[in-house]
Amino acid sequence: MPRQHPSSLHNRALDLLAEGRSVKDVAAELHLSRPTVYRWRQSLADLTGHQLVGRQALSVELSAARARIAELERELRAHRRLTELLNDVVPPKGGSRPSR
């Protein structure tokens, strides 16, 4: 059974790799096997669909996604408020006489 490592160790290894450190150096510094560090690096690349260019790349994508979500939520609130205002001013059609 593979040995379980704490997520903080996993994150530290990915941070060091993102700084440009070699797998060999990271493995030696954190007392890990090289295959473990390679596997972690590859699993991150598989999850993100990108080769590891640093956790900064992930945080940039995440920040951009959060900004877009916030923008869309503001638009949605504005549209909902406008709908409420229009419903108060203009009653829905149906009170007029039916067409022939």
N, C-alpha and C. Protein backbone atom coordinates (compact mmCIF):
# COMPACT_ATOMS: atom_id res chain seq x y z
N MET A 1 0.85 -1.19 0.00
CA MET A 1 0.00 0.00 0.00
C MET A 1 0.89 1.24 0.00
N PRO A 2 0.57 2.24 -0.87
CA PRO A 2 1.39 3.45 -0.91
C PRO A 2 1.31 4.23 0.39
N ARG A 3 2.41 4.85 0.70
CA ARG A 3 2.47 5.67 1.92
C ARG A 3 1.67 6.95 1.72
N GLN A 4 0.94 7.34 2.73
CA GLN A 4 0.14 8.57 2.67
C GLN A 4 0.98 9.73 3.19
N HIS A 5 1.02 10.81 2.43
CA HIS A 5 1.75 12.01 2.82
C HIS A 5 0.75 13.10 3.14
N PRO A 6 1.06 13.96 4.10
CA PRO A 6 0.13 15.07 4.41
C PRO A 6 0.02 16.01 3.22
N SER A 7 -1.15 16.61 3.09
CA SER A 7 -1.37 17.52 1.96
C SER A 7 -0.44 18.73 2.03
N SER A 8 -0.03 19.13 3.23
CA SER A 8 0.89 20.26 3.34
C SER A 8 2.24 19.92 2.69
N LEU A 9 2.67 18.67 2.82
CA LEU A 9 3.92 18.24 2.19
C LEU A 9 3.75 18.23 0.67
N HIS A 10 2.61 17.76 0.22
CA HIS A 10 2.29 17.74 -1.21
C HIS A 10 2.31 19.16 -1.77
N ASN A 11 1.63 20.08 -1.08
CA ASN A 11 1.58 21.47 -1.53
C ASN A 11 2.97 22.11 -1.52
N ARG A 12 3.76 21.81 -0.49
CA ARG A 12 5.12 22.37 -0.40
C ARG A 12 5.96 21.89 -1.59
N ALA A 13 5.83 20.62 -1.92
CA ALA A 13 6.58 20.07 -3.06
C ALA A 13 6.18 20.78 -4.35
N LEU A 14 4.88 20.99 -4.55
CA LEU A 14 4.43 21.67 -5.77
C LEU A 14 4.89 23.12 -5.80
N ASP A 15 4.91 23.77 -4.64
CA ASP A 15 5.40 25.15 -4.57
C ASP A 15 6.88 25.22 -4.98
N LEU A 16 7.68 24.29 -4.45
CA LEU A 16 9.10 24.28 -4.80
C LEU A 16 9.31 24.01 -6.28
N LEU A 17 8.53 23.11 -6.84
CA LEU A 17 8.61 22.85 -8.28
C LEU A 17 8.23 24.09 -9.08
N ALA A 18 7.23 24.80 -8.61
CA ALA A 18 6.78 26.02 -9.29
C ALA A 18 7.86 27.09 -9.28
N GLU A 19 8.70 27.07 -8.24
CA GLU A 19 9.79 28.04 -8.16
C GLU A 19 10.93 27.69 -9.12
N GLY A 20 10.80 26.54 -9.79
CA GLY A 20 11.82 26.16 -10.75
C GLY A 20 12.82 25.14 -10.22
N ARG A 21 12.59 24.66 -9.01
CA ARG A 21 13.49 23.65 -8.44
C ARG A 21 13.31 22.33 -9.17
N SER A 22 14.36 21.56 -9.24
CA SER A 22 14.29 20.26 -9.93
C SER A 22 13.61 19.23 -9.04
N VAL A 23 13.10 18.20 -9.67
CA VAL A 23 12.45 17.12 -8.94
C VAL A 23 13.44 16.48 -7.97
N LYS A 24 14.67 16.32 -8.43
CA LYS A 24 15.72 15.72 -7.59
C LYS A 24 15.94 16.55 -6.32
N ASP A 25 16.04 17.88 -6.46
CA ASP A 25 16.26 18.76 -5.31
C ASP A 25 15.07 18.74 -4.35
N VAL A 26 13.87 18.79 -4.92
CA VAL A 26 12.66 18.78 -4.09
C VAL A 26 12.55 17.48 -3.32
N ALA A 27 12.80 16.39 -3.99
CA ALA A 27 12.73 15.08 -3.34
C ALA A 27 13.75 14.98 -2.20
N ALA A 28 14.96 15.47 -2.44
CA ALA A 28 15.99 15.41 -1.41
C ALA A 28 15.64 16.32 -0.23
N GLU A 29 15.18 17.52 -0.52
CA GLU A 29 14.88 18.47 0.56
C GLU A 29 13.72 18.00 1.44
N LEU A 30 12.72 17.40 0.84
CA LEU A 30 11.53 17.00 1.59
C LEU A 30 11.55 15.53 1.99
N HIS A 31 12.66 14.86 1.72
CA HIS A 31 12.83 13.44 2.07
C HIS A 31 11.74 12.58 1.44
N LEU A 32 11.55 12.80 0.14
CA LEU A 32 10.59 12.02 -0.64
C LEU A 32 11.33 11.28 -1.73
N SER A 33 10.70 10.27 -2.28
CA SER A 33 11.30 9.59 -3.42
C SER A 33 11.03 10.41 -4.68
N ARG A 34 11.94 10.32 -5.64
CA ARG A 34 11.75 11.06 -6.88
C ARG A 34 10.49 10.63 -7.62
N PRO A 35 10.19 9.32 -7.68
CA PRO A 35 8.94 8.93 -8.37
C PRO A 35 7.69 9.56 -7.74
N THR A 36 7.71 9.74 -6.42
CA THR A 36 6.56 10.38 -5.75
C THR A 36 6.41 11.81 -6.23
N VAL A 37 7.50 12.54 -6.28
CA VAL A 37 7.44 13.94 -6.71
C VAL A 37 7.04 14.03 -8.17
N TYR A 38 7.59 13.15 -9.01
CA TYR A 38 7.18 13.12 -10.43
C TYR A 38 5.68 12.85 -10.56
N ARG A 39 5.18 11.90 -9.78
CA ARG A 39 3.75 11.54 -9.84
C ARG A 39 2.88 12.72 -9.42
N TRP A 40 3.28 13.42 -8.36
CA TRP A 40 2.51 14.57 -7.91
C TRP A 40 2.50 15.66 -8.98
N ARG A 41 3.66 15.88 -9.58
CA ARG A 41 3.74 16.90 -10.62
C ARG A 41 2.86 16.53 -11.80
N GLN A 42 2.88 15.27 -12.20
CA GLN A 42 2.08 14.82 -13.32
C GLN A 42 0.59 14.86 -12.99
N SER A 43 0.22 14.50 -11.77
CA SER A 43 -1.21 14.51 -11.40
C SER A 43 -1.77 15.93 -11.46
N LEU A 44 -0.96 16.91 -11.08
CA LEU A 44 -1.40 18.30 -11.18
C LEU A 44 -1.59 18.69 -12.64
N ALA A 45 -0.65 18.29 -13.48
CA ALA A 45 -0.77 18.59 -14.91
C ALA A 45 -2.00 17.92 -15.50
N ASP A 46 -2.30 16.68 -15.08
CA ASP A 46 -3.47 15.97 -15.58
C ASP A 46 -4.76 16.66 -15.15
N LEU A 47 -4.80 17.13 -13.92
CA LEU A 47 -6.02 17.78 -13.40
C LEU A 47 -6.28 19.11 -14.09
N THR A 48 -5.24 19.86 -14.33
CA THR A 48 -5.41 21.20 -14.89
C THR A 48 -5.41 21.22 -16.40
N GLY A 49 -4.89 20.16 -17.01
CA GLY A 49 -4.80 20.15 -18.46
C GLY A 49 -3.61 20.94 -18.96
N HIS A 50 -2.76 21.38 -18.06
CA HIS A 50 -1.58 22.16 -18.43
C HIS A 50 -0.35 21.49 -17.82
N GLN A 51 0.75 21.71 -18.45
CA GLN A 51 1.99 21.28 -17.82
C GLN A 51 2.26 22.22 -16.66
N LEU A 52 2.96 21.73 -15.69
CA LEU A 52 3.23 22.52 -14.50
C LEU A 52 4.09 23.72 -14.85
N VAL A 53 3.53 24.87 -14.75
CA VAL A 53 4.28 26.10 -14.93
C VAL A 53 4.22 26.90 -13.65
N GLY A 54 3.69 26.27 -12.64
CA GLY A 54 3.65 26.92 -11.34
C GLY A 54 2.25 27.05 -10.82
N ARG A 55 2.19 27.06 -9.52
CA ARG A 55 0.89 27.23 -8.88
C ARG A 55 0.36 28.63 -9.16
N GLN A 56 1.25 29.54 -9.54
CA GLN A 56 0.80 30.88 -9.89
C GLN A 56 -0.15 30.82 -11.08
N ALA A 57 0.13 29.94 -12.04
CA ALA A 57 -0.75 29.82 -13.21
C ALA A 57 -2.14 29.39 -12.78
N LEU A 58 -2.20 28.49 -11.82
CA LEU A 58 -3.50 28.06 -11.31
C LEU A 58 -4.21 29.19 -10.59
N SER A 59 -3.47 29.93 -9.78
CA SER A 59 -4.11 31.01 -9.04
C SER A 59 -4.56 32.13 -9.97
N VAL A 60 -3.85 32.36 -11.06
CA VAL A 60 -4.27 33.37 -12.04
C VAL A 60 -5.58 32.94 -12.69
N GLU A 61 -5.66 31.66 -13.09
CA GLU A 61 -6.89 31.15 -13.69
C GLU A 61 -8.05 31.22 -12.71
N LEU A 62 -7.78 30.86 -11.48
CA LEU A 62 -8.82 30.87 -10.45
C LEU A 62 -9.29 32.30 -10.18
N SER A 63 -8.36 33.23 -10.11
CA SER A 63 -8.73 34.64 -9.90
C SER A 63 -9.57 35.17 -11.05
N ALA A 64 -9.20 34.82 -12.26
CA ALA A 64 -9.97 35.26 -13.43
C ALA A 64 -11.37 34.66 -13.40
N ALA A 65 -11.47 33.39 -13.03
CA ALA A 65 -12.79 32.75 -12.97
C ALA A 65 -13.65 33.39 -11.89
N ARG A 66 -13.06 33.68 -10.74
CA ARG A 66 -13.82 34.32 -9.66
C ARG A 66 -14.28 35.72 -10.06
N ALA A 67 -13.43 36.46 -10.75
CA ALA A 67 -13.81 37.80 -11.21
C ALA A 67 -14.97 37.71 -12.20
N ARG A 68 -14.91 36.75 -13.10
CA ARG A 68 -15.99 36.57 -14.09
C ARG A 68 -17.29 36.18 -13.40
N ILE A 69 -17.22 35.30 -12.42
CA ILE A 69 -18.41 34.90 -11.67
C ILE A 69 -19.02 36.10 -10.96
N ALA A 70 -18.17 36.91 -10.33
CA ALA A 70 -18.67 38.10 -9.64
C ALA A 70 -19.35 39.06 -10.61
N GLU A 71 -18.76 39.23 -11.80
CA GLU A 71 -19.35 40.09 -12.82
C GLU A 71 -20.72 39.56 -13.26
N LEU A 72 -20.81 38.26 -13.50
CA LEU A 72 -22.08 37.67 -13.92
C LEU A 72 -23.13 37.75 -12.82
N GLU A 73 -22.71 37.60 -11.57
CA GLU A 73 -23.67 37.73 -10.46
C GLU A 73 -24.20 39.15 -10.36
N ARG A 74 -23.33 40.15 -10.59
CA ARG A 74 -23.79 41.55 -10.59
C ARG A 74 -24.80 41.78 -11.71
N GLU A 75 -24.51 41.27 -12.90
CA GLU A 75 -25.44 41.40 -14.01
C GLU A 75 -26.78 40.75 -13.70
N LEU A 76 -26.74 39.57 -13.12
CA LEU A 76 -27.96 38.85 -12.78
C LEU A 76 -28.79 39.63 -11.77
N ARG A 77 -28.12 40.20 -10.76
CA ARG A 77 -28.85 41.01 -9.77
C ARG A 77 -29.50 42.22 -10.44
N ALA A 78 -28.78 42.85 -11.36
CA ALA A 78 -29.32 44.01 -12.06
C ALA A 78 -30.53 43.62 -12.91
N HIS A 79 -30.45 42.50 -13.60
CA HIS A 79 -31.57 42.04 -14.43
C HIS A 79 -32.78 41.68 -13.56
N ARG A 80 -32.53 41.03 -12.45
CA ARG A 80 -33.64 40.68 -11.55
C ARG A 80 -34.31 41.93 -10.99
N ARG A 81 -33.50 42.91 -10.62
CA ARG A 81 -34.05 44.16 -10.09
C ARG A 81 -34.86 44.89 -11.16
N LEU A 82 -34.35 44.92 -12.37
CA LEU A 82 -35.06 45.56 -13.48
C LEU A 82 -36.38 44.86 -13.74
N THR A 83 -36.38 43.54 -13.69
CA THR A 83 -37.61 42.78 -13.89
C THR A 83 -38.63 43.12 -12.82
N GLU A 84 -38.18 43.23 -11.56
CA GLU A 84 -39.08 43.61 -10.47
C GLU A 84 -39.68 44.98 -10.72
N LEU A 85 -38.85 45.94 -11.13
CA LEU A 85 -39.33 47.30 -11.37
C LEU A 85 -40.32 47.33 -12.53
N LEU A 86 -40.03 46.61 -13.60
CA LEU A 86 -40.94 46.60 -14.74
C LEU A 86 -42.26 45.92 -14.41
N ASN A 87 -42.24 44.89 -13.61
CA ASN A 87 -43.48 44.22 -13.22
C ASN A 87 -44.36 45.13 -12.38
N ASP A 88 -43.74 46.03 -11.60
CA ASP A 88 -44.51 46.97 -10.80
C ASP A 88 -45.13 48.06 -11.67
N VAL A 89 -44.47 48.48 -12.73
CA VAL A 89 -44.93 49.58 -13.57
C VAL A 89 -45.84 49.10 -14.69
N VAL A 90 -45.46 48.05 -15.38
CA VAL A 90 -46.20 47.57 -16.53
C VAL A 90 -46.80 46.21 -16.19
N PRO A 91 -48.14 46.17 -16.04
CA PRO A 91 -48.74 44.88 -15.72
C PRO A 91 -48.64 43.94 -16.92
N PRO A 92 -48.59 42.66 -16.67
CA PRO A 92 -48.51 41.72 -17.78
C PRO A 92 -49.74 41.84 -18.66
N LYS A 93 -49.55 41.61 -19.93
CA LYS A 93 -50.65 41.72 -20.88
C LYS A 93 -51.67 40.64 -20.57
N GLY A 94 -52.90 40.91 -20.79
CA GLY A 94 -53.96 39.95 -20.52
C GLY A 94 -55.21 40.67 -20.06
N GLY A 95 -55.06 41.91 -19.65
CA GLY A 95 -56.20 42.67 -19.22
C GLY A 95 -56.95 43.33 -20.37
N SER A 96 -56.35 43.31 -21.54
CA SER A 96 -57.01 43.94 -22.68
C SER A 96 -57.95 42.94 -23.34
N ARG A 97 -58.73 43.42 -24.27
CA ARG A 97 -59.68 42.53 -24.92
C ARG A 97 -58.96 41.56 -25.85
N PRO A 98 -59.47 40.39 -26.00
CA PRO A 98 -58.81 39.38 -26.85
C PRO A 98 -58.85 39.79 -28.32
N SER A 99 -57.83 39.37 -29.04
CA SER A 99 -57.78 39.68 -30.47
C SER A 99 -58.68 38.69 -31.21
N ARG A 100 -59.08 39.08 -32.42
CA ARG A 100 -59.97 38.22 -33.19
C ARG A 100 -59.26 37.19 -33.96
